[in-house]
N, C-alpha and C. Protein backbone atom coordinates (compact mmCIF):
# COMPACT_ATOMS: atom_id res chain seq x y z
N MET A 1 5.69 -10.97 0.36
CA MET A 1 5.30 -10.48 -0.92
C MET A 1 4.18 -9.48 -0.70
N GLU A 2 4.25 -8.34 -1.39
CA GLU A 2 3.20 -7.35 -1.33
C GLU A 2 2.78 -6.98 -2.74
N SER A 3 1.49 -6.73 -2.92
CA SER A 3 0.99 -6.36 -4.23
C SER A 3 -0.39 -5.71 -4.06
N PHE A 4 -1.05 -5.41 -5.16
CA PHE A 4 -2.41 -4.91 -5.10
C PHE A 4 -3.19 -5.40 -6.31
N LEU A 5 -4.52 -5.41 -6.17
CA LEU A 5 -5.41 -5.87 -7.23
C LEU A 5 -6.30 -4.72 -7.68
N MET A 6 -6.49 -4.61 -9.01
CA MET A 6 -7.37 -3.59 -9.56
C MET A 6 -8.24 -4.19 -10.66
N LYS A 7 -9.43 -3.63 -10.84
CA LYS A 7 -10.29 -4.00 -11.95
C LYS A 7 -9.79 -3.32 -13.21
N LYS A 8 -10.32 -3.75 -14.32
CA LYS A 8 -9.98 -3.18 -15.61
C LYS A 8 -10.27 -1.67 -15.64
N GLN A 9 -11.29 -1.23 -14.93
CA GLN A 9 -11.68 0.18 -14.91
C GLN A 9 -10.86 0.99 -13.90
N MET A 10 -9.72 0.45 -13.46
CA MET A 10 -8.82 1.12 -12.51
C MET A 10 -9.43 1.31 -11.12
N LYS A 11 -10.36 0.44 -10.75
CA LYS A 11 -10.94 0.47 -9.41
C LYS A 11 -10.30 -0.65 -8.59
N THR A 12 -9.98 -0.35 -7.34
CA THR A 12 -9.35 -1.36 -6.49
C THR A 12 -10.35 -2.45 -6.12
N LEU A 13 -9.85 -3.63 -5.85
CA LEU A 13 -10.67 -4.76 -5.43
C LEU A 13 -10.52 -4.92 -3.92
N ILE A 14 -11.57 -4.62 -3.20
CA ILE A 14 -11.57 -4.62 -1.73
C ILE A 14 -12.11 -5.95 -1.23
N GLY A 15 -11.43 -6.55 -0.24
CA GLY A 15 -11.92 -7.76 0.40
C GLY A 15 -11.78 -9.02 -0.42
N VAL A 16 -10.91 -9.02 -1.42
CA VAL A 16 -10.69 -10.19 -2.27
C VAL A 16 -9.73 -11.15 -1.57
N THR A 17 -10.03 -12.43 -1.59
CA THR A 17 -9.16 -13.44 -0.99
C THR A 17 -8.09 -13.84 -1.99
N VAL A 18 -6.83 -13.78 -1.54
CA VAL A 18 -5.68 -14.19 -2.34
C VAL A 18 -5.10 -15.43 -1.68
N ILE A 19 -5.05 -16.55 -2.40
CA ILE A 19 -4.60 -17.83 -1.83
C ILE A 19 -3.46 -18.41 -2.65
N ILE A 20 -2.45 -18.91 -1.96
CA ILE A 20 -1.40 -19.71 -2.60
C ILE A 20 -1.61 -21.13 -2.10
N GLU A 21 -2.29 -21.94 -2.90
CA GLU A 21 -2.70 -23.27 -2.48
C GLU A 21 -1.51 -24.16 -2.10
N GLU A 22 -0.43 -24.07 -2.88
CA GLU A 22 0.74 -24.92 -2.63
C GLU A 22 1.35 -24.68 -1.26
N LEU A 23 1.22 -23.46 -0.76
CA LEU A 23 1.78 -23.12 0.55
C LEU A 23 0.73 -23.15 1.65
N LYS A 24 -0.53 -23.41 1.27
CA LYS A 24 -1.63 -23.44 2.22
C LYS A 24 -1.70 -22.15 3.04
N THR A 25 -1.61 -21.03 2.36
CA THR A 25 -1.68 -19.72 3.01
C THR A 25 -2.49 -18.77 2.15
N GLY A 26 -2.98 -17.72 2.77
CA GLY A 26 -3.76 -16.74 2.04
C GLY A 26 -4.00 -15.50 2.87
N THR A 27 -4.63 -14.52 2.26
CA THR A 27 -4.95 -13.26 2.92
C THR A 27 -6.06 -12.58 2.13
N THR A 28 -6.49 -11.41 2.57
CA THR A 28 -7.48 -10.64 1.83
C THR A 28 -6.94 -9.24 1.57
N THR A 29 -7.46 -8.61 0.51
CA THR A 29 -7.05 -7.25 0.19
C THR A 29 -7.71 -6.27 1.15
N ASN A 30 -7.02 -5.15 1.40
CA ASN A 30 -7.57 -4.13 2.29
C ASN A 30 -8.43 -3.14 1.51
N GLU A 31 -8.78 -2.02 2.13
CA GLU A 31 -9.66 -1.04 1.49
C GLU A 31 -9.03 -0.34 0.28
N TYR A 32 -7.71 -0.53 0.10
CA TYR A 32 -7.01 0.06 -1.05
C TYR A 32 -6.62 -1.00 -2.09
N GLY A 33 -7.04 -2.25 -1.87
CA GLY A 33 -6.71 -3.33 -2.79
C GLY A 33 -5.36 -3.96 -2.54
N PHE A 34 -4.65 -3.53 -1.49
CA PHE A 34 -3.33 -4.06 -1.19
C PHE A 34 -3.42 -5.33 -0.33
N TYR A 35 -2.43 -6.20 -0.51
CA TYR A 35 -2.32 -7.39 0.34
C TYR A 35 -0.85 -7.72 0.54
N SER A 36 -0.59 -8.51 1.58
CA SER A 36 0.76 -8.93 1.90
C SER A 36 0.71 -10.38 2.38
N ILE A 37 1.63 -11.19 1.87
CA ILE A 37 1.74 -12.60 2.27
C ILE A 37 3.19 -12.87 2.60
N THR A 38 3.44 -13.48 3.74
CA THR A 38 4.79 -13.89 4.11
C THR A 38 5.09 -15.24 3.47
N LEU A 39 6.15 -15.29 2.69
CA LEU A 39 6.54 -16.51 1.99
C LEU A 39 7.73 -17.14 2.69
N PRO A 40 7.84 -18.46 2.63
CA PRO A 40 9.02 -19.12 3.18
C PRO A 40 10.27 -18.65 2.45
N ARG A 41 11.39 -18.72 3.12
CA ARG A 41 12.64 -18.25 2.54
C ARG A 41 12.97 -19.00 1.25
N VAL A 42 12.78 -20.30 1.23
CA VAL A 42 13.03 -21.11 0.03
C VAL A 42 11.78 -21.92 -0.25
N SER A 43 11.23 -21.75 -1.45
CA SER A 43 10.04 -22.52 -1.82
C SER A 43 9.96 -22.63 -3.32
N THR A 44 9.19 -23.60 -3.76
CA THR A 44 8.90 -23.73 -5.19
C THR A 44 7.41 -23.60 -5.38
N LEU A 45 7.00 -22.73 -6.27
CA LEU A 45 5.58 -22.51 -6.51
C LEU A 45 5.14 -23.23 -7.75
C-alpha cells in the first residue's frame, strides 16, 4: 500500500509514523509525505 499525508494547509507531513496495529507493522513518511507498507496477501483489518 502506498499513500501520502498532508496537513490542512496543503503541506506534507514529514517523518510521521504510520502504524497498522492489527498487523504489527509500520513505517514513516519521507521528505515528500509519502509512505509504503507491504500488506499480507489476505488479511482483515
